[in-house]
Amino acid sequence: MASVERVNLLLAGLAHADWLRYEVDGDLLMPADAWSVSLALDDARSIPAAVRSGEPCELRLGDDPLMVGRVDTVRLRTRKGEVQLTIDGRDNSGLLLDCSAPVFTSQNLTLDQVVAKIVKPLGVTKIRIDADNALRREKVSVEPGDTAWDALAHAAEANGLWPWFEPDGTLVVGGPDYTAAPVATLVHELDGARNNALDLELVDSLALSHSEVTVLAQTHGGGELRVARAGVKATYTDPSVRGYRPRIVVDHESDTPAHARERARKLTLDSRLARWELKAFVPGHRINAPGSAAHGLPWRPGQRVAVRSRPYGLEGIYFLMARTLRGGRGQPTITELTLKEDGVWIVNAHPHKRRHRRGRNAGPGVVLDISGQPEAAR
């Protein structure tokens, strides 16, 4: 019988893989992917000195990296005559989430220069910008109290991008690739004859869904070349939502009709993204798809997966937004895949302007009726 491949924790030159239990998360929408492992010891004095909070570490599956980060918490508990050690941690985005960004104001910076000024003082040096046309910002200002993650996310969003960390610890500022080939086809039928998915769970929730989103904003004068408008309005509809469920958002950073229209579209698709979710549970932590270029690689967020299931009425390609690895001594080794509708998650360019944060400039006025229609109708 083949041995079960487990997750290895590399810490101060030491490695361990025989866990009572382990769990490794990964989610494109959530900063600071987390992990947790536990094991039993005969004596607390046998714990290596390197097992302490703040220690750099790496998680691997065989020789393949899963996550690079630091130990957050070390817990000891005496239970049934033995000592149980639990180690929790996060990837390198945990540091950016916890710590304040360097305070600076600069002009005429490219995106890679902005990102470097935010993260390099905190020790993040491996950076990749996946963008064809990153804008040069006339002025970039990071103020006291901003976390490094917020400053990074704002810089990325201003260019229609999003930040995340690769398994090898590289910070990537980019977006989803909906042109990539599916890495595997998951099959789940009632007879179970050809199933390679242990279970499926489909959630379609009306909560927080909106049939239309309207963005209200106003523009401000900028010298002789830019005339202020009392207000702008843009509406985007989602015909997949049954019933009339409107939402109105006041966004002072969408200061042109085009920006308001794109913001309404983004918010509408965000609600659709949250509404529909498919969880697939598969054995092991590697892609089992002979003939695929991804065969044998670990599952990771950002991949596209084909799913075929007649009981669920599914036949198509979906986007892998998150995955969780689970296992341990005497427990099944499984991966939970969180799939979303393909092409729904988008990141639009959305600069953040502090002068409007409190909405002080909002006031009554004439609202221009500039409606944005669904793409199929435009």
Protein backbone atom coordinates (compact mmCIF):
# COMPACT_ATOMS: atom_id res chain seq x y z
CA MET A 1 0.00 0.00 0.00
CA ALA A 2 1.43 3.41 -0.99
CA SER A 3 2.23 5.78 1.83
CA VAL A 4 0.09 8.88 2.21
CA GLU A 5 1.90 12.11 1.34
CA ARG A 6 1.61 14.63 4.14
CA VAL A 7 2.37 18.30 4.60
CA ASN A 8 5.89 19.11 5.83
CA LEU A 9 6.70 22.05 8.11
CA LEU A 10 10.25 23.36 7.68
CA LEU A 11 11.33 25.40 10.68
CA ALA A 12 14.90 26.48 11.52
CA GLY A 13 16.40 23.63 9.51
CA LEU A 14 14.05 21.04 11.03
CA ALA A 15 11.19 19.24 9.25
CA HIS A 16 8.16 17.40 10.56
CA ALA A 17 5.26 15.71 8.77
CA ASP A 18 3.70 13.15 11.16
CA TRP A 19 0.86 15.34 12.44
CA LEU A 20 -2.15 14.49 14.56
CA ARG A 21 -3.94 16.88 12.27
CA TYR A 22 -3.12 19.70 9.87
CA GLU A 23 -5.02 22.30 7.87
CA VAL A 24 -3.62 24.66 5.22
CA ASP A 25 -5.83 27.38 3.72
CA GLY A 26 -5.46 29.38 0.55
CA ASP A 27 -7.93 32.02 -0.69
CA LEU A 28 -7.41 34.71 -3.32
CA LEU A 29 -9.94 37.03 -1.68
CA MET A 30 -8.59 36.70 1.88
CA PRO A 31 -5.26 38.24 2.89
CA ALA A 32 -3.07 36.15 5.18
CA ASP A 33 -3.60 32.51 4.22
CA ALA A 34 -3.48 30.51 7.44
CA TRP A 35 -2.20 27.09 8.48
CA SER A 36 -2.36 24.98 11.63
CA VAL A 37 -0.64 21.74 12.67
CA SER A 38 -0.65 19.72 15.88
CA LEU A 39 1.23 16.72 17.28
CA ALA A 40 1.54 14.80 20.53
CA LEU A 41 4.68 14.75 22.69
CA ASP A 42 5.69 12.79 25.76
CA ASP A 43 7.28 15.82 27.39
CA ALA A 44 7.15 19.54 26.72
CA ARG A 45 10.92 19.67 27.22
CA SER A 46 11.36 17.83 23.90
CA ILE A 47 10.05 20.82 21.91
CA PRO A 48 12.88 22.37 19.83
CA ALA A 49 13.87 25.91 20.82
CA ALA A 50 13.08 27.10 17.30
CA VAL A 51 9.37 26.41 17.77
CA ARG A 52 8.36 29.91 18.83
CA SER A 53 6.19 32.73 17.56
CA GLY A 54 7.69 34.90 14.85
CA GLU A 55 9.98 32.21 13.45
CA PRO A 56 10.18 32.09 9.62
CA CYS A 57 8.93 28.82 8.19
CA GLU A 58 7.83 27.04 5.03
CA LEU A 59 5.17 24.46 4.27
CA ARG A 60 5.78 21.89 1.56
CA LEU A 61 4.06 18.95 -0.03
CA GLY A 62 6.97 16.71 -0.90
CA ASP A 63 9.33 19.03 -2.78
CA ASP A 64 6.56 21.42 -3.85
CA PRO A 65 6.16 24.64 -1.83
CA LEU A 66 2.73 25.39 -0.37
CA MET A 67 3.35 28.52 1.67
CA VAL A 68 6.14 30.73 3.01
CA GLY A 69 5.46 32.71 6.17
CA ARG A 70 5.93 32.83 9.91
CA VAL A 71 4.75 31.11 13.06
CA ASP A 72 2.03 33.17 14.73
CA THR A 73 1.07 31.12 17.78
CA VAL A 74 2.44 28.16 19.73
CA ARG A 75 0.06 26.36 22.11
CA LEU A 76 0.77 23.63 24.64
CA ARG A 77 -1.96 21.55 26.28
CA THR A 78 -1.70 18.56 28.58
CA ARG A 79 -4.31 15.99 27.64
CA LYS A 80 -4.71 12.35 28.73
CA GLY A 81 -1.17 12.11 30.00
CA GLU A 82 0.49 13.63 26.94
CA VAL A 83 1.45 17.09 25.77
CA GLN A 84 -0.30 18.35 22.63
CA LEU A 85 1.59 20.99 20.65
CA THR A 86 -0.32 23.18 18.19
CA ILE A 87 1.46 25.59 15.86
CA ASP A 88 -0.48 28.21 13.89
CA GLY A 89 0.81 30.62 11.29
CA ARG A 90 0.14 32.65 8.16
CA ASP A 91 1.88 33.40 4.90
CA ASN A 92 3.87 36.60 4.39
CA SER A 93 0.74 38.68 3.89
CA GLY A 94 0.11 38.29 7.63
CA LEU A 95 2.99 40.67 8.27
CA LEU A 96 1.52 43.22 5.85
CA LEU A 97 -1.89 42.86 7.47
CA ASP A 98 -0.56 43.41 11.01
CA CYS A 99 1.96 46.18 10.43
CA SER A 100 1.70 49.82 9.41
CA ALA A 101 2.97 50.88 6.03
CA PRO A 102 5.95 53.22 5.73
CA VAL A 103 4.64 56.79 5.61
CA PHE A 104 5.62 58.57 2.41
CA THR A 105 4.44 60.94 -0.29
CA SER A 106 5.95 60.62 -3.75
CA GLN A 107 5.18 61.75 -7.27
CA ASN A 108 5.37 60.16 -10.69
CA LEU A 109 5.91 56.57 -9.51
CA THR A 110 5.27 53.38 -11.45
CA LEU A 111 3.28 50.58 -9.81
CA ASP A 112 6.33 48.43 -9.14
CA GLN A 113 8.03 51.40 -7.44
CA VAL A 114 4.97 52.01 -5.24
CA VAL A 115 4.73 48.35 -4.25
CA ALA A 116 8.44 48.18 -3.45
CA LYS A 117 8.27 51.27 -1.21
CA ILE A 118 5.39 49.68 0.74
CA VAL A 119 6.59 46.10 1.24
CA LYS A 120 10.39 46.05 1.03
CA PRO A 121 10.91 47.75 4.43
CA LEU A 122 8.95 44.82 5.91
CA GLY A 123 11.25 42.25 4.32
CA VAL A 124 9.23 41.32 1.22
CA THR A 125 11.72 41.37 -1.67
CA LYS A 126 10.35 38.83 -4.20
CA ILE A 127 7.80 40.84 -6.21
CA ARG A 128 6.17 40.24 -9.60
CA ILE A 129 3.81 42.63 -11.39
CA ASP A 130 1.52 40.79 -13.81
CA ALA A 131 0.16 43.73 -15.77
CA ASP A 132 0.57 44.88 -19.35
CA ASN A 133 -0.14 48.55 -18.67
CA ALA A 134 0.39 49.65 -15.08
CA LEU A 135 -0.29 53.36 -14.72
CA ARG A 136 2.23 55.89 -13.48
CA ARG A 137 0.66 57.77 -10.57
CA GLU A 138 1.06 61.53 -10.39
CA LYS A 139 1.00 61.43 -6.62
CA VAL A 140 1.04 58.58 -4.09
CA SER A 141 0.48 59.26 -0.41
CA VAL A 142 0.56 56.73 2.44
CA GLU A 143 -0.59 58.24 5.70
CA PRO A 144 -0.03 57.26 9.35
CA GLY A 145 -2.36 54.47 10.41
CA ASP A 146 -2.49 52.73 7.02
CA THR A 147 -1.58 49.06 7.21
CA ALA A 148 0.85 47.81 4.62
CA TRP A 149 -1.82 45.50 3.21
CA ASP A 150 -4.35 48.34 2.81
CA ALA A 151 -1.77 50.54 1.08
CA LEU A 152 -0.77 47.65 -1.19
CA ALA A 153 -4.38 46.75 -2.02
CA HIS A 154 -5.21 50.40 -2.81
CA ALA A 155 -2.20 50.71 -5.12
CA ALA A 156 -3.18 47.48 -6.88
CA GLU A 157 -6.86 48.40 -7.20
CA ALA A 158 -5.98 51.76 -8.72
CA ASN A 159 -4.56 49.76 -11.64
CA GLY A 160 -7.37 47.19 -11.78
CA LEU A 161 -5.24 44.52 -10.07
CA TRP A 162 -5.13 42.52 -6.84
CA PRO A 163 -2.24 41.29 -4.61
CA TRP A 164 -1.57 37.77 -3.36
CA PHE A 165 1.40 35.57 -2.42
CA GLU A 166 2.52 32.60 -4.48
CA PRO A 167 3.46 29.33 -2.70
CA ASP A 168 7.17 30.17 -3.00
CA GLY A 169 6.67 33.49 -1.17
CA THR A 170 6.58 35.76 -4.25
CA LEU A 171 4.24 38.74 -3.95
CA VAL A 172 2.17 38.96 -7.14
CA VAL A 173 0.12 41.96 -8.19
CA GLY A 174 -2.12 40.82 -11.02
CA GLY A 175 -5.54 39.42 -11.78
CA PRO A 176 -7.37 36.21 -12.70
CA ASP A 177 -6.44 34.44 -15.94
CA TYR A 178 -9.65 33.18 -17.51
CA THR A 179 -7.80 32.02 -20.63
CA ALA A 180 -5.86 29.29 -18.80
CA ALA A 181 -6.81 25.72 -19.63
CA PRO A 182 -8.66 23.72 -16.93
CA VAL A 183 -6.23 21.70 -14.84
CA ALA A 184 -8.64 18.79 -14.33
CA THR A 185 -12.20 17.56 -14.81
CA LEU A 186 -14.09 16.61 -11.66
CA VAL A 187 -16.83 14.01 -12.11
CA HIS A 188 -19.57 13.31 -9.57
CA GLU A 189 -22.48 11.03 -10.53
CA LEU A 190 -24.92 9.09 -8.39
CA ASP A 191 -23.66 5.66 -9.50
CA GLY A 192 -20.12 6.63 -8.47
CA ALA A 193 -18.55 4.54 -11.22
CA ARG A 194 -16.26 7.25 -12.63
CA ASN A 195 -16.28 9.70 -9.73
CA ASN A 196 -13.05 11.41 -8.80
CA ALA A 197 -14.74 13.88 -6.42
CA LEU A 198 -15.71 12.51 -3.02
CA ASP A 199 -18.56 14.96 -2.55
CA LEU A 200 -20.04 18.18 -3.86
CA GLU A 201 -21.86 20.94 -1.99
CA LEU A 202 -23.68 23.64 -3.98
CA VAL A 203 -24.88 26.88 -2.38
CA ASP A 204 -27.01 29.44 -4.25
CA SER A 205 -28.11 32.10 -1.76
CA LEU A 206 -30.29 35.14 -2.39
CA ALA A 207 -28.89 36.92 0.68
CA LEU A 208 -26.88 40.04 -0.21
CA SER A 209 -27.78 39.62 -3.89
CA HIS A 210 -29.02 42.60 -5.90
CA SER A 211 -30.92 42.76 -9.15
CA GLU A 212 -29.46 46.20 -9.78
CA VAL A 213 -26.79 48.40 -8.23
CA THR A 214 -26.85 52.17 -8.63
CA VAL A 215 -23.76 54.26 -7.91
CA LEU A 216 -24.20 57.95 -7.06
CA ALA A 217 -21.19 60.24 -7.19
CA GLN A 218 -20.13 63.74 -7.99
CA THR A 219 -17.20 65.24 -9.83
CA HIS A 220 -15.14 68.21 -8.69
CA GLY A 221 -13.66 71.07 -10.62
CA GLY A 222 -10.00 70.90 -11.53
CA GLY A 223 -9.04 74.27 -12.99
CA GLU A 224 -10.10 75.51 -16.38
CA LEU A 225 -10.07 72.12 -18.11
CA ARG A 226 -12.38 70.28 -15.75
CA VAL A 227 -15.89 71.40 -14.91
CA ALA A 228 -17.54 70.18 -11.74
CA ARG A 229 -20.83 68.31 -11.99
CA ALA A 230 -23.45 68.27 -9.27
CA GLY A 231 -23.75 64.51 -9.52
CA VAL A 232 -23.57 61.43 -11.69
CA LYS A 233 -25.56 58.22 -11.63
CA ALA A 234 -24.91 54.79 -13.12
CA THR A 235 -26.91 51.58 -12.84
CA TYR A 236 -25.95 48.01 -13.65
CA THR A 237 -28.43 45.13 -13.57
CA ASP A 238 -28.08 41.40 -12.95
CA PRO A 239 -30.90 39.52 -14.71
CA SER A 240 -29.94 36.28 -12.94
CA VAL A 241 -31.40 37.65 -9.66
CA ARG A 242 -35.09 36.85 -9.37
CA GLY A 243 -37.22 39.71 -8.17
CA TYR A 244 -36.53 43.42 -7.69
CA ARG A 245 -33.67 43.83 -5.20
CA PRO A 246 -32.10 47.30 -5.67
CA ARG A 247 -29.03 48.72 -3.95
CA ILE A 248 -27.80 52.32 -3.99
CA VAL A 249 -24.17 53.12 -3.22
CA VAL A 250 -22.67 56.58 -2.71
CA ASP A 251 -19.08 56.48 -3.96
CA HIS A 252 -17.23 59.82 -4.05
CA GLU A 253 -14.21 58.19 -5.69
CA SER A 254 -16.14 57.37 -8.89
CA ASP A 255 -15.89 60.90 -10.19
CA THR A 256 -16.78 60.36 -13.85
CA PRO A 257 -19.77 58.66 -15.49
CA ALA A 258 -17.47 55.93 -16.83
CA HIS A 259 -16.00 55.28 -13.37
CA ALA A 260 -19.47 55.16 -11.81
CA ARG A 261 -20.67 52.73 -14.47
CA GLU A 262 -17.68 50.42 -13.94
CA ARG A 263 -18.08 50.64 -10.17
CA ALA A 264 -21.74 49.63 -10.45
CA ARG A 265 -20.75 46.71 -12.66
CA LYS A 266 -18.04 45.61 -10.21
CA LEU A 267 -20.39 45.75 -7.19
CA THR A 268 -23.07 43.81 -9.08
CA LEU A 269 -20.63 41.06 -10.03
CA ASP A 270 -19.28 40.98 -6.46
CA SER A 271 -22.76 40.19 -5.17
CA ARG A 272 -23.08 37.46 -7.79
CA LEU A 273 -19.68 36.10 -6.78
CA ALA A 274 -20.83 35.85 -3.16
CA ARG A 275 -24.16 34.26 -4.08
CA TRP A 276 -23.00 31.12 -5.92
CA GLU A 277 -20.44 28.68 -4.56
CA LEU A 278 -19.55 25.06 -5.27
CA LYS A 279 -17.42 23.10 -2.83
CA ALA A 280 -15.75 19.95 -4.12
CA PHE A 281 -13.97 17.48 -1.85
CA VAL A 282 -11.24 15.43 -3.56
CA PRO A 283 -8.82 12.79 -2.23
CA GLY A 284 -5.20 13.77 -1.71
CA HIS A 285 -3.62 17.16 -2.26
CA ARG A 286 -2.43 16.79 -5.85
CA ILE A 287 -4.24 17.10 -9.16
CA ASN A 288 -5.06 13.67 -10.53
CA ALA A 289 -5.57 14.34 -14.23
CA PRO A 290 -3.41 12.11 -16.47
CA GLY A 291 -2.68 13.91 -19.72
CA SER A 292 -2.99 17.36 -18.15
CA ALA A 293 0.08 19.58 -17.81
CA ALA A 294 -0.96 20.12 -14.19
CA HIS A 295 -1.13 16.39 -13.33
CA GLY A 296 0.65 15.76 -10.03
CA LEU A 297 0.87 19.41 -9.02
CA PRO A 298 -0.71 20.61 -5.74
CA TRP A 299 -4.12 22.25 -5.94
CA ARG A 300 -3.87 26.03 -5.66
CA PRO A 301 -6.21 29.04 -5.96
CA GLY A 302 -6.38 30.67 -9.38
CA GLN A 303 -6.72 27.43 -11.35
CA ARG A 304 -9.71 26.68 -13.58
CA VAL A 305 -11.51 23.37 -13.10
CA ALA A 306 -14.08 21.58 -15.27
CA VAL A 307 -16.96 19.94 -13.37
CA ARG A 308 -19.46 17.37 -14.67
CA SER A 309 -22.36 16.24 -12.50
CA ARG A 310 -25.85 15.40 -13.76
CA PRO A 311 -27.43 15.32 -10.26
CA TYR A 312 -26.30 18.92 -9.75
CA GLY A 313 -26.94 19.98 -13.33
CA LEU A 314 -23.31 21.03 -13.75
CA GLU A 315 -21.38 20.88 -17.00
CA GLY A 316 -18.81 23.61 -17.38
CA ILE A 317 -15.62 25.34 -16.23
CA TYR A 318 -15.33 27.04 -12.86
CA PHE A 319 -12.74 29.22 -11.13
CA LEU A 320 -10.87 27.88 -8.09
CA MET A 321 -11.07 30.75 -5.61
CA ALA A 322 -9.86 28.89 -2.51
CA ARG A 323 -8.61 25.52 -1.34
CA THR A 324 -7.99 23.89 2.04
CA LEU A 325 -5.72 20.89 2.66
CA ARG A 326 -6.69 18.62 5.57
CA GLY A 327 -5.31 15.43 7.04
CA GLY A 328 -3.52 13.85 9.94
CA ARG A 329 -2.84 10.60 11.74
CA GLY A 330 -5.76 8.25 11.18
CA GLN A 331 -7.66 10.90 9.18
CA PRO A 332 -8.43 10.99 5.46
CA THR A 333 -6.16 13.17 3.34
CA ILE A 334 -8.51 15.46 1.42
CA THR A 335 -8.58 18.84 -0.32
CA GLU A 336 -11.61 21.12 -0.17
CA LEU A 337 -11.96 23.19 -3.33
CA THR A 338 -14.09 26.35 -3.36
CA LEU A 339 -15.25 27.03 -6.91
CA LYS A 340 -16.96 30.14 -8.27
CA GLU A 341 -18.57 31.01 -11.57
CA ASP A 342 -15.90 31.47 -14.21
CA GLY A 343 -15.25 35.05 -15.27
CA VAL A 344 -17.29 36.69 -12.49
CA TRP A 345 -14.42 37.85 -10.26
CA ILE A 346 -13.03 41.04 -11.76
CA VAL A 347 -10.79 43.79 -10.41
CA ASN A 348 -11.49 47.23 -11.86
CA ALA A 349 -9.24 50.27 -11.66
CA HIS A 350 -10.52 52.18 -8.63
CA PRO A 351 -8.23 54.86 -7.15
CA HIS A 352 -8.74 55.76 -3.50
CA LYS A 353 -8.98 59.45 -2.68
CA ARG A 354 -8.70 60.33 0.98
CA ARG A 355 -10.33 63.71 0.70
CA HIS A 356 -13.69 61.96 0.14
CA ARG A 357 -13.32 59.31 2.83
CA ARG A 358 -15.89 60.92 5.14
CA GLY A 359 -18.18 62.05 2.35
CA ARG A 360 -17.98 65.69 3.41
CA ASN A 361 -18.56 66.89 -0.15
CA ALA A 362 -21.78 64.96 -0.57
CA GLY A 363 -24.76 67.21 -0.84
CA PRO A 364 -28.09 67.65 -2.55
CA GLY A 365 -28.04 68.46 -6.22
CA VAL A 366 -29.22 67.48 -9.64
CA VAL A 367 -28.42 63.84 -10.43
CA LEU A 368 -27.56 63.12 -14.05
CA ASP A 369 -29.30 59.94 -15.22
CA ILE A 370 -26.47 58.07 -16.93
CA SER A 371 -27.41 54.38 -16.92
CA GLY A 372 -25.01 51.55 -17.59
CA GLN A 373 -26.60 48.49 -19.20
CA PRO A 374 -25.42 44.88 -19.03
CA GLU A 375 -22.64 44.17 -21.49
CA ALA A 376 -24.87 42.05 -23.73
CA ALA A 377 -27.19 45.03 -24.19
CA ARG A 378 -24.49 47.62 -24.87
